[in-house]
Amino acid sequence: MVRVPLTPEQIEAGRRLGALFRETRAGRDPASVALSAGISPETLRKIEMGRLPSPGFGTVVGLCAALGLPLDTAAQVWLGPTDQHLAAG
């Protein structure tokens, strides 16, 4: 299976999502957050730095649960301001 390259918009969405997770973590130990989310600390670091701009759905759900962040908030951030109408429909 060949993976289609991400678009610049998808890469930017991943950066926004990573920044949200980093800000929400707000000083909590990355290793404990990662463990609670069921991922490695390295994966968390890559997501937060935007180097993994398209994390799997289960990873996003796990991070939201570990951080006490509503999944809808993460979805809104990923969609960005120009796609907000898509989430409402």
PDB file of N, CA and C in Angstrom:
ATOM      1  N   MET A   1       0.834  -1.173   0.000  1.00  0.00           N
ATOM      2  CA  MET A   1       0.000   0.000   0.000  1.00  0.00           C
ATOM      3  C   MET A   1       0.886   1.246   0.000  1.00  0.00           C
ATOM      4  N   VAL A   2       0.610   2.134  -0.918  1.00  0.00           N
ATOM      5  CA  VAL A   2       1.378   3.370  -1.030  1.00  0.00           C
ATOM      6  C   VAL A   2       0.639   4.473  -0.279  1.00  0.00           C
ATOM      7  N   ARG A   3       1.362   5.165   0.557  1.00  0.00           N
ATOM      8  CA  ARG A   3       0.765   6.259   1.317  1.00  0.00           C
ATOM      9  C   ARG A   3       0.902   7.558   0.525  1.00  0.00           C
ATOM     10  N   VAL A   4      -0.205   8.248   0.361  1.00  0.00           N
ATOM     11  CA  VAL A   4      -0.213   9.520  -0.348  1.00  0.00           C
ATOM     12  C   VAL A   4       0.447  10.571   0.539  1.00  0.00           C
ATOM     13  N   PRO A   5       1.346  11.380  -0.021  1.00  0.00           N
ATOM     14  CA  PRO A   5       1.987  12.418   0.797  1.00  0.00           C
ATOM     15  C   PRO A   5       0.953  13.393   1.369  1.00  0.00           C
ATOM     16  N   LEU A   6       1.251  13.906   2.553  1.00  0.00           N
ATOM     17  CA  LEU A   6       0.367  14.873   3.180  1.00  0.00           C
ATOM     18  C   LEU A   6       0.444  16.207   2.444  1.00  0.00           C
ATOM     19  N   THR A   7      -0.666  16.900   2.417  1.00  0.00           N
ATOM     20  CA  THR A   7      -0.699  18.231   1.818  1.00  0.00           C
ATOM     21  C   THR A   7      -0.115  19.233   2.812  1.00  0.00           C
ATOM     22  N   PRO A   8       0.277  20.407   2.337  1.00  0.00           N
ATOM     23  CA  PRO A   8       0.742  21.443   3.272  1.00  0.00           C
ATOM     24  C   PRO A   8      -0.323  21.777   4.323  1.00  0.00           C
ATOM     25  N   GLU A   9      -1.585  21.741   3.952  1.00  0.00           N
ATOM     26  CA  GLU A   9      -2.664  22.025   4.893  1.00  0.00           C
ATOM     27  C   GLU A   9      -2.734  20.959   5.987  1.00  0.00           C
ATOM     28  N   GLN A  10      -2.541  19.696   5.619  1.00  0.00           N
ATOM     29  CA  GLN A  10      -2.559  18.615   6.599  1.00  0.00           C
ATOM     30  C   GLN A  10      -1.359  18.717   7.539  1.00  0.00           C
ATOM     31  N   ILE A  11      -0.230  19.108   7.005  1.00  0.00           N
ATOM     32  CA  ILE A  11       0.968  19.280   7.831  1.00  0.00           C
ATOM     33  C   ILE A  11       0.750  20.413   8.834  1.00  0.00           C
ATOM     34  N   GLU A  12       0.160  21.517   8.372  1.00  0.00           N
ATOM     35  CA  GLU A  12      -0.123  22.641   9.277  1.00  0.00           C
ATOM     36  C   GLU A  12      -1.152  22.238  10.333  1.00  0.00           C
ATOM     37  N   ALA A  13      -2.145  21.444   9.950  1.00  0.00           N
ATOM     38  CA  ALA A  13      -3.143  20.966  10.919  1.00  0.00           C
ATOM     39  C   ALA A  13      -2.469  20.134  12.001  1.00  0.00           C
ATOM     40  N   GLY A  14      -1.515  19.299  11.605  1.00  0.00           N
ATOM     41  CA  GLY A  14      -0.772  18.502  12.577  1.00  0.00           C
ATOM     42  C   GLY A  14       0.057  19.359  13.515  1.00  0.00           C
ATOM     43  N   ARG A  15       0.613  20.437  12.991  1.00  0.00           N
ATOM     44  CA  ARG A  15       1.374  21.357  13.854  1.00  0.00           C
ATOM     45  C   ARG A  15       0.462  22.024  14.882  1.00  0.00           C
ATOM     46  N   ARG A  16      -0.734  22.424  14.437  1.00  0.00           N
ATOM     47  CA  ARG A  16      -1.691  23.034  15.382  1.00  0.00           C
ATOM     48  C   ARG A  16      -2.084  22.039  16.463  1.00  0.00           C
ATOM     49  N   LEU A  17      -2.338  20.800  16.061  1.00  0.00           N
ATOM     50  CA  LEU A  17      -2.727  19.767  17.016  1.00  0.00           C
ATOM     51  C   LEU A  17      -1.596  19.491  18.000  1.00  0.00           C
ATOM     52  N   GLY A  18      -0.376  19.398  17.501  1.00  0.00           N
ATOM     53  CA  GLY A  18       0.779  19.184  18.376  1.00  0.00           C
ATOM     54  C   GLY A  18       0.948  20.311  19.375  1.00  0.00           C
ATOM     55  N   ALA A  19       0.766  21.548  18.906  1.00  0.00           N
ATOM     56  CA  ALA A  19       0.873  22.705  19.808  1.00  0.00           C
ATOM     57  C   ALA A  19      -0.208  22.656  20.876  1.00  0.00           C
ATOM     58  N   LEU A  20      -1.419  22.244  20.496  1.00  0.00           N
ATOM     59  CA  LEU A  20      -2.499  22.111  21.476  1.00  0.00           C
ATOM     60  C   LEU A  20      -2.127  21.098  22.553  1.00  0.00           C
ATOM     61  N   PHE A  21      -1.619  19.942  22.151  1.00  0.00           N
ATOM     62  CA  PHE A  21      -1.235  18.920  23.127  1.00  0.00           C
ATOM     63  C   PHE A  21      -0.115  19.431  24.028  1.00  0.00           C
ATOM     64  N   ARG A  22       0.867  20.107  23.452  1.00  0.00           N
ATOM     65  CA  ARG A  22       1.989  20.637  24.239  1.00  0.00           C
ATOM     66  C   ARG A  22       1.488  21.664  25.252  1.00  0.00           C
ATOM     67  N   GLU A  23       0.625  22.570  24.818  1.00  0.00           N
ATOM     68  CA  GLU A  23       0.090  23.592  25.719  1.00  0.00           C
ATOM     69  C   GLU A  23      -0.786  22.973  26.807  1.00  0.00           C
ATOM     70  N   THR A  24      -1.589  21.985  26.434  1.00  0.00           N
ATOM     71  CA  THR A  24      -2.474  21.336  27.402  1.00  0.00           C
ATOM     72  C   THR A  24      -1.674  20.533  28.421  1.00  0.00           C
ATOM     73  N   ARG A  25      -0.589  19.932  27.990  1.00  0.00           N
ATOM     74  CA  ARG A  25       0.266  19.169  28.919  1.00  0.00           C
ATOM     75  C   ARG A  25       0.852  20.088  29.980  1.00  0.00           C
ATOM     76  N   ALA A  26       1.137  21.331  29.628  1.00  0.00           N
ATOM     77  CA  ALA A  26       1.547  22.405  30.543  1.00  0.00           C
ATOM     78  C   ALA A  26       2.464  21.964  31.683  1.00  0.00           C
ATOM     79  N   GLY A  27       3.609  21.426  31.340  1.00  0.00           N
ATOM     80  CA  GLY A  27       4.593  21.102  32.363  1.00  0.00           C
ATOM     81  C   GLY A  27       4.467  19.719  32.974  1.00  0.00           C
ATOM     82  N   ARG A  28       3.381  19.016  32.672  1.00  0.00           N
ATOM     83  CA  ARG A  28       3.284  17.639  33.185  1.00  0.00           C
ATOM     84  C   ARG A  28       4.370  16.791  32.543  1.00  0.00           C
ATOM     85  N   ASP A  29       4.814  15.803  33.256  1.00  0.00           N
ATOM     86  CA  ASP A  29       5.877  14.920  32.779  1.00  0.00           C
ATOM     87  C   ASP A  29       5.463  14.244  31.478  1.00  0.00           C
ATOM     88  N   PRO A  30       6.230  14.469  30.400  1.00  0.00           N
ATOM     89  CA  PRO A  30       5.857  13.869  29.118  1.00  0.00           C
ATOM     90  C   PRO A  30       5.803  12.341  29.160  1.00  0.00           C
ATOM     91  N   ALA A  31       6.698  11.728  29.909  1.00  0.00           N
ATOM     92  CA  ALA A  31       6.713  10.266  29.970  1.00  0.00           C
ATOM     93  C   ALA A  31       5.437   9.725  30.603  1.00  0.00           C
ATOM     94  N   SER A  32       4.956  10.369  31.656  1.00  0.00           N
ATOM     95  CA  SER A  32       3.736   9.877  32.294  1.00  0.00           C
ATOM     96  C   SER A  32       2.510  10.135  31.426  1.00  0.00           C
ATOM     97  N   VAL A  33       2.479  11.276  30.727  1.00  0.00           N
ATOM     98  CA  VAL A  33       1.365  11.546  29.804  1.00  0.00           C
ATOM     99  C   VAL A  33       1.371  10.518  28.680  1.00  0.00           C
ATOM    100  N   ALA A  34       2.539  10.264  28.106  1.00  0.00           N
ATOM    101  CA  ALA A  34       2.652   9.290  27.024  1.00  0.00           C
ATOM    102  C   ALA A  34       2.210   7.902  27.490  1.00  0.00           C
ATOM    103  N   LEU A  35       2.681   7.483  28.652  1.00  0.00           N
ATOM    104  CA  LEU A  35       2.308   6.175  29.196  1.00  0.00           C
ATOM    105  C   LEU A  35       0.800   6.089  29.384  1.00  0.00           C
ATOM    106  N   SER A  36       0.212   7.132  29.923  1.00  0.00           N
ATOM    107  CA  SER A  36      -1.230   7.168  30.140  1.00  0.00           C
ATOM    108  C   SER A  36      -1.993   7.110  28.811  1.00  0.00           C
ATOM    109  N   ALA A  37      -1.415   7.693  27.759  1.00  0.00           N
ATOM    110  CA  ALA A  37      -2.053   7.698  26.441  1.00  0.00           C
ATOM    111  C   ALA A  37      -1.789   6.424  25.651  1.00  0.00           C
ATOM    112  N   GLY A  38      -0.876   5.583  26.150  1.00  0.00           N
ATOM    113  CA  GLY A  38      -0.556   4.338  25.455  1.00  0.00           C
ATOM    114  C   GLY A  38       0.413   4.508  24.300  1.00  0.00           C
ATOM    115  N   ILE A  39       1.239   5.558  24.371  1.00  0.00           N
ATOM    116  CA  ILE A  39       2.245   5.795  23.332  1.00  0.00           C
ATOM    117  C   ILE A  39       3.597   5.990  23.991  1.00  0.00           C
ATOM    118  N   SER A  40       4.636   6.022  23.185  1.00  0.00           N
ATOM    119  CA  SER A  40       5.973   6.246  23.732  1.00  0.00           C
ATOM    120  C   SER A  40       6.218   7.742  23.919  1.00  0.00           C
ATOM    121  N   PRO A  41       7.112   8.086  24.845  1.00  0.00           N
ATOM    122  CA  PRO A  41       7.475   9.498  24.998  1.00  0.00           C
ATOM    123  C   PRO A  41       8.021  10.101  23.702  1.00  0.00           C
ATOM    124  N   GLU A  42       8.727   9.307  22.916  1.00  0.00           N
ATOM    125  CA  GLU A  42       9.260   9.787  21.637  1.00  0.00           C
ATOM    126  C   GLU A  42       8.129  10.125  20.670  1.00  0.00           C
ATOM    127  N   THR A  43       7.090   9.308  20.646  1.00  0.00           N
ATOM    128  CA  THR A  43       5.943   9.602  19.785  1.00  0.00           C
ATOM    129  C   THR A  43       5.260  10.888  20.232  1.00  0.00           C
ATOM    130  N   LEU A  44       5.093  11.057  21.532  1.00  0.00           N
ATOM    131  CA  LEU A  44       4.501  12.292  22.052  1.00  0.00           C
ATOM    132  C   LEU A  44       5.345  13.488  21.638  1.00  0.00           C
ATOM    133  N   ARG A  45       6.647  13.374  21.770  1.00  0.00           N
ATOM    134  CA  ARG A  45       7.542  14.475  21.407  1.00  0.00           C
ATOM    135  C   ARG A  45       7.396  14.819  19.924  1.00  0.00           C
ATOM    136  N   LYS A  46       7.341  13.806  19.077  1.00  0.00           N
ATOM    137  CA  LYS A  46       7.194  14.041  17.635  1.00  0.00           C
ATOM    138  C   LYS A  46       5.870  14.724  17.315  1.00  0.00           C
ATOM    139  N   ILE A  47       4.798  14.297  17.979  1.00  0.00           N
ATOM    140  CA  ILE A  47       3.492  14.922  17.753  1.00  0.00           C
ATOM    141  C   ILE A  47       3.531  16.375  18.194  1.00  0.00           C
ATOM    142  N   GLU A  48       4.044  16.622  19.392  1.00  0.00           N
ATOM    143  CA  GLU A  48       4.082  17.981  19.920  1.00  0.00           C
ATOM    144  C   GLU A  48       4.942  18.914  19.076  1.00  0.00           C
ATOM    145  N   MET A  49       5.980  18.396  18.461  1.00  0.00           N
ATOM    146  CA  MET A  49       6.870  19.223  17.656  1.00  0.00           C
ATOM    147  C   MET A  49       6.420  19.319  16.199  1.00  0.00           C
ATOM    148  N   GLY A  50       5.333  18.645  15.849  1.00  0.00           N
ATOM    149  CA  GLY A  50       4.835  18.699  14.480  1.00  0.00           C
ATOM    150  C   GLY A  50       5.563  17.789  13.517  1.00  0.00           C
ATOM    151  N   ARG A  51       6.409  16.913  14.035  1.00  0.00           N
ATOM    152  CA  ARG A  51       7.144  15.983  13.169  1.00  0.00           C
ATOM    153  C   ARG A  51       6.321  14.746  12.834  1.00  0.00           C
ATOM    154  N   LEU A  52       5.202  14.574  13.510  1.00  0.00           N
ATOM    155  CA  LEU A  52       4.267  13.490  13.219  1.00  0.00           C
ATOM    156  C   LEU A  52       2.902  14.155  13.039  1.00  0.00           C
ATOM    157  N   PRO A  53       2.692  14.780  11.868  1.00  0.00           N
ATOM    158  CA  PRO A  53       1.519  15.636  11.694  1.00  0.00           C
ATOM    159  C   PRO A  53       0.200  14.908  11.507  1.00  0.00           C
ATOM    160  N   SER A  54       0.250  13.599  11.353  1.00  0.00           N
ATOM    161  CA  SER A  54      -0.985  12.866  11.117  1.00  0.00           C
ATOM    162  C   SER A  54      -1.064  11.643  12.034  1.00  0.00           C
ATOM    163  N   PRO A  55      -1.170  11.877  13.360  1.00  0.00           N
ATOM    164  CA  PRO A  55      -1.237  10.728  14.277  1.00  0.00           C
ATOM    165  C   PRO A  55      -2.534   9.957  14.082  1.00  0.00           C
ATOM    166  N   GLY A  56      -2.507   8.685  14.402  1.00  0.00           N
ATOM    167  CA  GLY A  56      -3.689   7.836  14.284  1.00  0.00           C
ATOM    168  C   GLY A  56      -4.804   8.290  15.219  1.00  0.00           C
ATOM    169  N   PHE A  57      -6.019   7.925  14.848  1.00  0.00           N
ATOM    170  CA  PHE A  57      -7.185   8.312  15.636  1.00  0.00           C
ATOM    171  C   PHE A  57      -7.069   7.815  17.068  1.00  0.00           C
ATOM    172  N   GLY A  58      -6.654   6.573  17.254  1.00  0.00           N
ATOM    173  CA  GLY A  58      -6.504   6.022  18.599  1.00  0.00           C
ATOM    174  C   GLY A  58      -5.478   6.783  19.418  1.00  0.00           C
ATOM    175  N   THR A  59      -4.428   7.252  18.772  1.00  0.00           N
ATOM    176  CA  THR A  59      -3.411   8.045  19.456  1.00  0.00           C
ATOM    177  C   THR A  59      -3.995   9.373  19.915  1.00  0.00           C
ATOM    178  N   VAL A  60      -4.756  10.023  19.042  1.00  0.00           N
ATOM    179  CA  VAL A  60      -5.384  11.299  19.401  1.00  0.00           C
ATOM    180  C   VAL A  60      -6.375  11.102  20.542  1.00  0.00           C
ATOM    181  N   VAL A  61      -7.187  10.051  20.460  1.00  0.00           N
ATOM    182  CA  VAL A  61      -8.150   9.758  21.524  1.00  0.00           C
ATOM    183  C   VAL A  61      -7.415   9.506  22.841  1.00  0.00           C
ATOM    184  N   GLY A  62      -6.357   8.718  22.800  1.00  0.00           N
ATOM    185  CA  GLY A  62      -5.587   8.422  24.005  1.00  0.00           C
ATOM    186  C   GLY A  62      -4.968   9.665  24.613  1.00  0.00           C
ATOM    187  N   LEU A  63      -4.419  10.539  23.769  1.00  0.00           N
ATOM    188  CA  LEU A  63      -3.829  11.775  24.289  1.00  0.00           C
ATOM    189  C   LEU A  63      -4.896  12.688  24.879  1.00  0.00           C
ATOM    190  N   CYS A  64      -6.020  12.789  24.221  1.00  0.00           N
ATOM    191  CA  CYS A  64      -7.105  13.621  24.763  1.00  0.00           C
ATOM    192  C   CYS A  64      -7.543  13.096  26.132  1.00  0.00           C
ATOM    193  N   ALA A  65      -7.689  11.793  26.246  1.00  0.00           N
ATOM    194  CA  ALA A  65      -8.094  11.202  27.523  1.00  0.00           C
ATOM    195  C   ALA A  65      -7.033  11.450  28.600  1.00  0.00           C
ATOM    196  N   ALA A  66      -5.763  11.261  28.240  1.00  0.00           N
ATOM    197  CA  ALA A  66      -4.676  11.442  29.204  1.00  0.00           C
ATOM    198  C   ALA A  66      -4.559  12.894  29.664  1.00  0.00           C
ATOM    199  N   LEU A  67      -4.912  13.824  28.797  1.00  0.00           N
ATOM    200  CA  LEU A  67      -4.778  15.243  29.105  1.00  0.00           C
ATOM    201  C   LEU A  67      -6.073  15.878  29.616  1.00  0.00           C
ATOM    202  N   GLY A  68      -7.162  15.102  29.613  1.00  0.00           N
ATOM    203  CA  GLY A  68      -8.446  15.667  30.010  1.00  0.00           C
ATOM    204  C   GLY A  68      -8.941  16.700  29.010  1.00  0.00           C
ATOM    205  N   LEU A  69      -8.615  16.484  27.760  1.00  0.00           N
ATOM    206  CA  LEU A  69      -8.959  17.414  26.683  1.00  0.00           C
ATOM    207  C   LEU A  69     -10.114  16.836  25.878  1.00  0.00           C
ATOM    208  N   PRO A  70     -11.194  17.581  25.706  1.00  0.00           N
ATOM    209  CA  PRO A  70     -12.298  17.050  24.894  1.00  0.00           C
ATOM    210  C   PRO A  70     -11.835  16.753  23.464  1.00  0.00           C
ATOM    211  N   LEU A  71     -12.234  15.613  22.958  1.00  0.00           N
ATOM    212  CA  LEU A  71     -11.873  15.224  21.595  1.00  0.00           C
ATOM    213  C   LEU A  71     -12.378  16.253  20.587  1.00  0.00           C
ATOM    214  N   ASP A  72     -13.531  16.832  20.857  1.00  0.00           N
ATOM    215  CA  ASP A  72     -14.078  17.839  19.962  1.00  0.00           C
ATOM    216  C   ASP A  72     -13.149  19.058  19.862  1.00  0.00           C
ATOM    217  N   THR A  73     -12.515  19.423  20.962  1.00  0.00           N
ATOM    218  CA  THR A  73     -11.578  20.549  20.942  1.00  0.00           C
ATOM    219  C   THR A  73     -10.402  20.236  20.029  1.00  0.00           C
ATOM    220  N   ALA A  74      -9.866  19.024  20.138  1.00  0.00           N
ATOM    221  CA  ALA A  74      -8.752  18.618  19.277  1.00  0.00           C
ATOM    222  C   ALA A  74      -9.181  18.629  17.812  1.00  0.00           C
ATOM    223  N   ALA A  75     -10.393  18.160  17.538  1.00  0.00           N
ATOM    224  CA  ALA A  75     -10.892  18.152  16.162  1.00  0.00           C
ATOM    225  C   ALA A  75     -11.018  19.573  15.622  1.00  0.00           C
ATOM    226  N   GLN A  76     -11.525  20.487  16.435  1.00  0.00           N
ATOM    227  CA  GLN A  76     -11.684  21.879  16.000  1.00  0.00           C
ATOM    228  C   GLN A  76     -10.322  22.514  15.694  1.00  0.00           C
ATOM    229  N   VAL A  77      -9.331  22.228  16.524  1.00  0.00           N
ATOM    230  CA  VAL A  77      -7.989  22.765  16.293  1.00  0.00           C
ATOM    231  C   VAL A  77      -7.401  22.175  15.023  1.00  0.00           C
ATOM    232  N   TRP A  78      -7.579  20.889  14.816  1.00  0.00           N
ATOM    233  CA  TRP A  78      -7.046  20.246  13.618  1.00  0.00           C
ATOM    234  C   TRP A  78      -7.708  20.815  12.366  1.00  0.00           C
ATOM    235  N   LEU A  79      -9.025  21.026  12.436  1.00  0.00           N
ATOM    236  CA  LEU A  79      -9.737  21.578  11.284  1.00  0.00           C
ATOM    237  C   LEU A  79      -9.290  22.998  10.969  1.00  0.00           C
ATOM    238  N   GLY A  80      -9.023  23.776  11.992  1.00  0.00           N
ATOM    239  CA  GLY A  80      -8.583  25.144  11.786  1.00  0.00           C
ATOM    240  C   GLY A  80      -9.728  26.078  11.494  1.00  0.00           C
ATOM    241  N   PRO A  81      -9.430  27.364  11.438  1.00  0.00           N
ATOM    242  CA  PRO A  81     -10.498  28.365  11.298  1.00  0.00           C
ATOM    243  C   PRO A  81     -11.251  28.296   9.979  1.00  0.00           C
ATOM    244  N   THR A  82     -10.621  27.861   8.913  1.00  0.00           N
ATOM    245  CA  THR A  82     -11.322  27.846   7.613  1.00  0.00           C
ATOM    246  C   THR A  82     -12.222  26.638   7.446  1.00  0.00           C
ATOM    247  N   ASP A  83     -12.041  25.609   8.275  1.00  0.00           N
ATOM    248  CA  ASP A  83     -12.843  24.384   8.153  1.00  0.00           C
ATOM    249  C   ASP A  83     -13.846  24.222   9.285  1.00  0.00           C
ATOM    250  N   GLN A  84     -14.032  25.229  10.108  1.00  0.00           N
ATOM    251  CA  GLN A  84     -14.932  25.114  11.254  1.00  0.00           C
ATOM    252  C   GLN A  84     -16.346  24.739  10.833  1.00  0.00           C
ATOM    253  N   HIS A  85     -16.792  25.241   9.681  1.00  0.00           N
ATOM    254  CA  HIS A  85     -18.152  24.947   9.235  1.00  0.00           C
ATOM    255  C   HIS A  85     -18.359  23.452   8.949  1.00  0.00           C
ATOM    256  N   LEU A  86     -17.310  22.732   8.625  1.00  0.00           N
ATOM    257  CA  LEU A  86     -17.410  21.298   8.343  1.00  0.00           C
ATOM    258  C   LEU A  86     -17.776  20.523   9.601  1.00  0.00           C
ATOM    259  N   ALA A  87     -17.260  20.943  10.751  1.00  0.00           N
ATOM    260  CA  ALA A  87     -17.524  20.245  12.005  1.00  0.00           C
ATOM    261  C   ALA A  87     -18.961  20.469  12.464  1.00  0.00           C
ATOM    262  N   ALA A  88     -19.543  21.584  12.094  1.00  0.00           N
ATOM    263  CA  ALA A  88     -20.897  21.899  12.519  1.00  0.00           C
ATOM    264  C   ALA A  88     -21.945  21.168  11.687  1.00  0.00           C
ATOM    265  N   GLY A  89     -21.602  20.783  10.470  1.00  0.00           N
ATOM    266  CA  GLY A  89     -22.589  20.208   9.552  1.00  0.00           C
ATOM    267  C   GLY A  89     -22.750  18.778   9.758  1.00  0.00           C
TER     268      GLY A  89
END
